[in-house]
């Protein structure tokens, strides 16, 4: 799902082919708040205006705009997985609930790490690599990324 963020609120981005427009709603709000526009830029402006209006309205009527979460949910995992998690809990001397909580926390940590570390390498990048010459001074020469990683793995920079 594509989303936008503004002032702590998350808004969905959806396309209606029939109506030839973009539309969305504020996610995890107490009330249903929708917006629509014909362009992406317009949708962003409408989302932000909807958030601003919603904040004012909630303040006027005295309600919290964000949906609260109880921390309790019913998860259907099937009998086989239920048995596996029960055995893992028994082995680790903990509860099924704690095993599931640890698994969810691990999953979320790993997904955050993936998002943070998205990048690409340009294998034509040049690195300056020091090499001592006979006078004890360092000579520098350019090498490619692949050469740099090879040298870093198999040689010391302090030769």
C-alpha atoms as a PDB file:
ATOM      1  CA  UNK A   1       0.000   0.000   0.000  1.00  0.00           C
ATOM      2  CA  UNK A   2       1.271   3.461  -0.873  1.00  0.00           C
ATOM      3  CA  UNK A   3       1.041   5.984   1.949  1.00  0.00           C
ATOM      4  CA  UNK A   4       1.833   9.576   2.879  1.00  0.00           C
ATOM      5  CA  UNK A   5       2.840  10.945   6.284  1.00  0.00           C
ATOM      6  CA  UNK A   6       2.041  14.296   7.851  1.00  0.00           C
ATOM      7  CA  UNK A   7       2.061  15.430  11.516  1.00  0.00           C
ATOM      8  CA  UNK A   8       2.213  11.821  12.719  1.00  0.00           C
ATOM      9  CA  UNK A   9      -0.743  10.727  10.578  1.00  0.00           C
ATOM     10  CA  UNK A  10      -0.570   8.180   7.782  1.00  0.00           C
ATOM     11  CA  UNK A  11      -2.789   8.477   4.734  1.00  0.00           C
ATOM     12  CA  UNK A  12      -3.523   5.882   2.080  1.00  0.00           C
ATOM     13  CA  UNK A  13      -3.142   6.522  -1.655  1.00  0.00           C
ATOM     14  CA  UNK A  14      -5.589   4.746  -3.942  1.00  0.00           C
ATOM     15  CA  UNK A  15      -6.641   5.082  -7.578  1.00  0.00           C
ATOM     16  CA  UNK A  16     -10.214   4.983  -8.851  1.00  0.00           C
ATOM     17  CA  UNK A  17     -10.232   4.152 -12.556  1.00  0.00           C
ATOM     18  CA  UNK A  18     -14.030   4.536 -12.708  1.00  0.00           C
ATOM     19  CA  UNK A  19     -13.983   8.040 -11.205  1.00  0.00           C
ATOM     20  CA  UNK A  20     -10.641   9.032 -12.786  1.00  0.00           C
ATOM     21  CA  UNK A  21      -9.257  10.284  -9.478  1.00  0.00           C
ATOM     22  CA  UNK A  22      -6.909   9.569  -6.618  1.00  0.00           C
ATOM     23  CA  UNK A  23      -8.332   9.151  -3.133  1.00  0.00           C
ATOM     24  CA  UNK A  24      -7.407   7.951   0.323  1.00  0.00           C
ATOM     25  CA  UNK A  25      -8.199   7.957   4.000  1.00  0.00           C
ATOM     26  CA  UNK A  26      -6.386   8.693   7.227  1.00  0.00           C
ATOM     27  CA  UNK A  27      -5.245   5.357   8.649  1.00  0.00           C
ATOM     28  CA  UNK A  28      -5.617   4.525  12.364  1.00  0.00           C
ATOM     29  CA  UNK A  29      -7.774   7.544  13.152  1.00  0.00           C
ATOM     30  CA  UNK A  30     -10.778   7.361  15.457  1.00  0.00           C
ATOM     31  CA  UNK A  31     -13.092   8.565  12.654  1.00  0.00           C
ATOM     32  CA  UNK A  32     -13.289   7.922   8.925  1.00  0.00           C
ATOM     33  CA  UNK A  33     -11.551  10.852   7.211  1.00  0.00           C
ATOM     34  CA  UNK A  34     -11.239  10.749   3.420  1.00  0.00           C
ATOM     35  CA  UNK A  35      -9.762  13.000   0.728  1.00  0.00           C
ATOM     36  CA  UNK A  36      -9.474  12.975  -3.062  1.00  0.00           C
ATOM     37  CA  UNK A  37      -7.838  14.839  -5.952  1.00  0.00           C
ATOM     38  CA  UNK A  38      -6.977  14.439  -9.611  1.00  0.00           C
ATOM     39  CA  UNK A  39      -3.176  14.724  -9.230  1.00  0.00           C
ATOM     40  CA  UNK A  40      -0.588  13.357  -6.814  1.00  0.00           C
ATOM     41  CA  UNK A  41       0.358  16.874  -5.741  1.00  0.00           C
ATOM     42  CA  UNK A  42      -3.329  17.681  -5.223  1.00  0.00           C
ATOM     43  CA  UNK A  43      -3.848  14.503  -3.200  1.00  0.00           C
ATOM     44  CA  UNK A  44      -0.956  15.419  -0.916  1.00  0.00           C
ATOM     45  CA  UNK A  45      -2.440  18.886  -0.333  1.00  0.00           C
ATOM     46  CA  UNK A  46      -5.893  17.416   0.329  1.00  0.00           C
ATOM     47  CA  UNK A  47      -4.441  14.860   2.759  1.00  0.00           C
ATOM     48  CA  UNK A  48      -2.598  17.588   4.687  1.00  0.00           C
ATOM     49  CA  UNK A  49      -5.727  19.788   4.745  1.00  0.00           C
ATOM     50  CA  UNK A  50      -7.788  16.825   5.991  1.00  0.00           C
ATOM     51  CA  UNK A  51      -5.262  16.171   8.783  1.00  0.00           C
ATOM     52  CA  UNK A  52      -5.199  19.834   9.820  1.00  0.00           C
ATOM     53  CA  UNK A  53      -9.018  19.981   9.847  1.00  0.00           C
ATOM     54  CA  UNK A  54      -9.267  16.698  11.739  1.00  0.00           C
ATOM     55  CA  UNK A  55      -6.856  17.908  14.440  1.00  0.00           C
ATOM     56  CA  UNK A  56      -8.927  21.075  14.925  1.00  0.00           C
ATOM     57  CA  UNK A  57     -12.211  19.135  14.993  1.00  0.00           C
ATOM     58  CA  UNK A  58     -10.878  16.631  17.546  1.00  0.00           C
ATOM     59  CA  UNK A  59      -9.669  19.475  19.781  1.00  0.00           C
ATOM     60  CA  UNK A  60     -13.089  21.175  19.551  1.00  0.00           C
ATOM     61  CA  UNK A  61     -15.019  18.043  20.570  1.00  0.00           C
ATOM     62  CA  UNK A  62     -12.388  16.847  23.049  1.00  0.00           C
ATOM     63  CA  UNK A  63     -11.370  13.515  21.555  1.00  0.00           C
ATOM     64  CA  UNK A  64      -7.986  11.961  20.847  1.00  0.00           C
ATOM     65  CA  UNK A  65      -7.483  11.858  17.046  1.00  0.00           C
ATOM     66  CA  UNK A  66      -5.294   8.741  17.016  1.00  0.00           C
ATOM     67  CA  UNK A  67      -6.847   5.320  17.424  1.00  0.00           C
ATOM     68  CA  UNK A  68      -5.616   3.677  20.599  1.00  0.00           C
ATOM     69  CA  UNK A  69      -4.387   0.114  20.505  1.00  0.00           C
ATOM     70  CA  UNK A  70      -5.113  -2.228  23.397  1.00  0.00           C
ATOM     71  CA  UNK A  71      -2.076  -4.430  22.892  1.00  0.00           C
ATOM     72  CA  UNK A  72      -4.319  -7.471  22.644  1.00  0.00           C
ATOM     73  CA  UNK A  73      -5.177  -9.175  19.380  1.00  0.00           C
ATOM     74  CA  UNK A  74      -6.481 -12.517  18.214  1.00  0.00           C
ATOM     75  CA  UNK A  75      -4.163 -14.185  15.711  1.00  0.00           C
ATOM     76  CA  UNK A  76      -5.118 -17.276  13.719  1.00  0.00           C
ATOM     77  CA  UNK A  77      -2.003 -19.286  12.885  1.00  0.00           C
ATOM     78  CA  UNK A  78      -3.283 -22.783  12.219  1.00  0.00           C
ATOM     79  CA  UNK A  79      -2.876 -25.920  14.358  1.00  0.00           C
ATOM     80  CA  UNK A  80       0.590 -26.895  13.106  1.00  0.00           C
ATOM     81  CA  UNK A  81       2.181 -23.534  13.816  1.00  0.00           C
ATOM     82  CA  UNK A  82       0.281 -23.344  17.114  1.00  0.00           C
ATOM     83  CA  UNK A  83       1.855 -26.645  18.161  1.00  0.00           C
ATOM     84  CA  UNK A  84       5.344 -25.482  17.091  1.00  0.00           C
ATOM     85  CA  UNK A  85       5.080 -22.247  19.043  1.00  0.00           C
ATOM     86  CA  UNK A  86       3.787 -24.133  22.102  1.00  0.00           C
ATOM     87  CA  UNK A  87       6.773 -26.503  21.933  1.00  0.00           C
ATOM     88  CA  UNK A  88       9.184 -23.557  21.523  1.00  0.00           C
ATOM     89  CA  UNK A  89       7.627 -21.857  24.561  1.00  0.00           C
ATOM     90  CA  UNK A  90       7.977 -25.044  26.586  1.00  0.00           C
ATOM     91  CA  UNK A  91      11.618 -25.452  25.529  1.00  0.00           C
ATOM     92  CA  UNK A  92      12.407 -21.810  26.364  1.00  0.00           C
ATOM     93  CA  UNK A  93      10.427 -21.973  29.629  1.00  0.00           C
ATOM     94  CA  UNK A  94       8.207 -19.068  28.648  1.00  0.00           C
ATOM     95  CA  UNK A  95       4.647 -18.499  27.417  1.00  0.00           C
ATOM     96  CA  UNK A  96       3.235 -18.840  23.918  1.00  0.00           C
ATOM     97  CA  UNK A  97       2.386 -15.132  24.093  1.00  0.00           C
ATOM     98  CA  UNK A  98       6.015 -14.243  24.856  1.00  0.00           C
ATOM     99  CA  UNK A  99       7.311 -16.439  22.015  1.00  0.00           C
ATOM    100  CA  UNK A 100       4.945 -14.768  19.546  1.00  0.00           C
ATOM    101  CA  UNK A 101       5.877 -11.302  20.849  1.00  0.00           C
ATOM    102  CA  UNK A 102       9.604 -12.062  20.406  1.00  0.00           C
ATOM    103  CA  UNK A 103       8.977 -13.341  16.860  1.00  0.00           C
ATOM    104  CA  UNK A 104       7.000 -10.234  15.906  1.00  0.00           C
ATOM    105  CA  UNK A 105       9.640  -7.914  17.428  1.00  0.00           C
ATOM    106  CA  UNK A 106      12.387  -9.744  15.528  1.00  0.00           C
ATOM    107  CA  UNK A 107      10.433  -9.518  12.277  1.00  0.00           C
ATOM    108  CA  UNK A 108       9.857  -5.782  12.719  1.00  0.00           C
ATOM    109  CA  UNK A 109      13.531  -5.136  13.599  1.00  0.00           C
ATOM    110  CA  UNK A 110      14.676  -7.019  10.501  1.00  0.00           C
ATOM    111  CA  UNK A 111      12.247  -5.107   8.272  1.00  0.00           C
ATOM    112  CA  UNK A 112      13.415  -1.771   9.697  1.00  0.00           C
ATOM    113  CA  UNK A 113      17.020  -2.793   9.031  1.00  0.00           C
ATOM    114  CA  UNK A 114      16.154  -3.635   5.423  1.00  0.00           C
ATOM    115  CA  UNK A 115      14.518  -0.227   4.933  1.00  0.00           C
ATOM    116  CA  UNK A 116      17.440   1.634   6.490  1.00  0.00           C
ATOM    117  CA  UNK A 117      20.102  -0.192   4.473  1.00  0.00           C
ATOM    118  CA  UNK A 118      18.601   0.044   0.988  1.00  0.00           C
ATOM    119  CA  UNK A 119      21.410   1.247  -1.250  1.00  0.00           C
ATOM    120  CA  UNK A 120      23.322   0.375  -4.372  1.00  0.00           C
ATOM    121  CA  UNK A 121      27.007   0.173  -5.156  1.00  0.00           C
ATOM    122  CA  UNK A 122      28.682   1.790  -8.114  1.00  0.00           C
ATOM    123  CA  UNK A 123      31.450  -0.634  -8.985  1.00  0.00           C
ATOM    124  CA  UNK A 124      33.288   2.054 -10.931  1.00  0.00           C
ATOM    125  CA  UNK A 125      33.819   4.222  -7.845  1.00  0.00           C
ATOM    126  CA  UNK A 126      37.488   4.924  -7.229  1.00  0.00           C
ATOM    127  CA  UNK A 127      39.042   4.637  -3.774  1.00  0.00           C
ATOM    128  CA  UNK A 128      42.377   6.048  -2.691  1.00  0.00           C
ATOM    129  CA  UNK A 129      44.479   3.228  -1.280  1.00  0.00           C
ATOM    130  CA  UNK A 130      47.695   4.007   0.651  1.00  0.00           C
ATOM    131  CA  UNK A 131      50.879   2.062  -0.008  1.00  0.00           C
ATOM    132  CA  UNK A 132      54.222   2.729   1.653  1.00  0.00           C
ATOM    133  CA  UNK A 133      57.085   3.524  -0.676  1.00  0.00           C
ATOM    134  CA  UNK A 134      60.809   3.124   0.051  1.00  0.00           C
ATOM    135  CA  UNK A 135      61.027   6.509   1.808  1.00  0.00           C
ATOM    136  CA  UNK A 136      58.405   5.517   4.386  1.00  0.00           C
ATOM    137  CA  UNK A 137      55.863   7.917   2.900  1.00  0.00           C
ATOM    138  CA  UNK A 138      52.485   6.716   1.654  1.00  0.00           C
ATOM    139  CA  UNK A 139      51.861   6.712  -2.089  1.00  0.00           C
ATOM    140  CA  UNK A 140      48.179   6.849  -3.058  1.00  0.00           C
ATOM    141  CA  UNK A 141      46.575   5.358  -6.132  1.00  0.00           C
ATOM    142  CA  UNK A 142      43.010   4.866  -7.304  1.00  0.00           C
ATOM    143  CA  UNK A 143      41.367   1.464  -7.345  1.00  0.00           C
ATOM    144  CA  UNK A 144      37.844   0.248  -8.139  1.00  0.00           C
ATOM    145  CA  UNK A 145      35.284  -0.793  -5.535  1.00  0.00           C
ATOM    146  CA  UNK A 146      35.888  -4.483  -6.262  1.00  0.00           C
ATOM    147  CA  UNK A 147      39.667  -4.057  -5.872  1.00  0.00           C
ATOM    148  CA  UNK A 148      39.128  -2.090  -2.648  1.00  0.00           C
ATOM    149  CA  UNK A 149      36.955  -4.808  -1.091  1.00  0.00           C
ATOM    150  CA  UNK A 150      39.414  -7.504  -2.192  1.00  0.00           C
ATOM    151  CA  UNK A 151      42.381  -5.626  -0.704  1.00  0.00           C
ATOM    152  CA  UNK A 152      40.444  -4.832   2.473  1.00  0.00           C
ATOM    153  CA  UNK A 153      39.588  -8.508   2.897  1.00  0.00           C
ATOM    154  CA  UNK A 154      42.963 -10.032   2.045  1.00  0.00           C
ATOM    155  CA  UNK A 155      45.541  -7.382   2.917  1.00  0.00           C
ATOM    156  CA  UNK A 156      46.278  -4.907   5.649  1.00  0.00           C
ATOM    157  CA  UNK A 157      46.218  -1.173   4.995  1.00  0.00           C
ATOM    158  CA  UNK A 158      49.273  -0.840   7.255  1.00  0.00           C
ATOM    159  CA  UNK A 159      51.712  -2.887   5.173  1.00  0.00           C
END
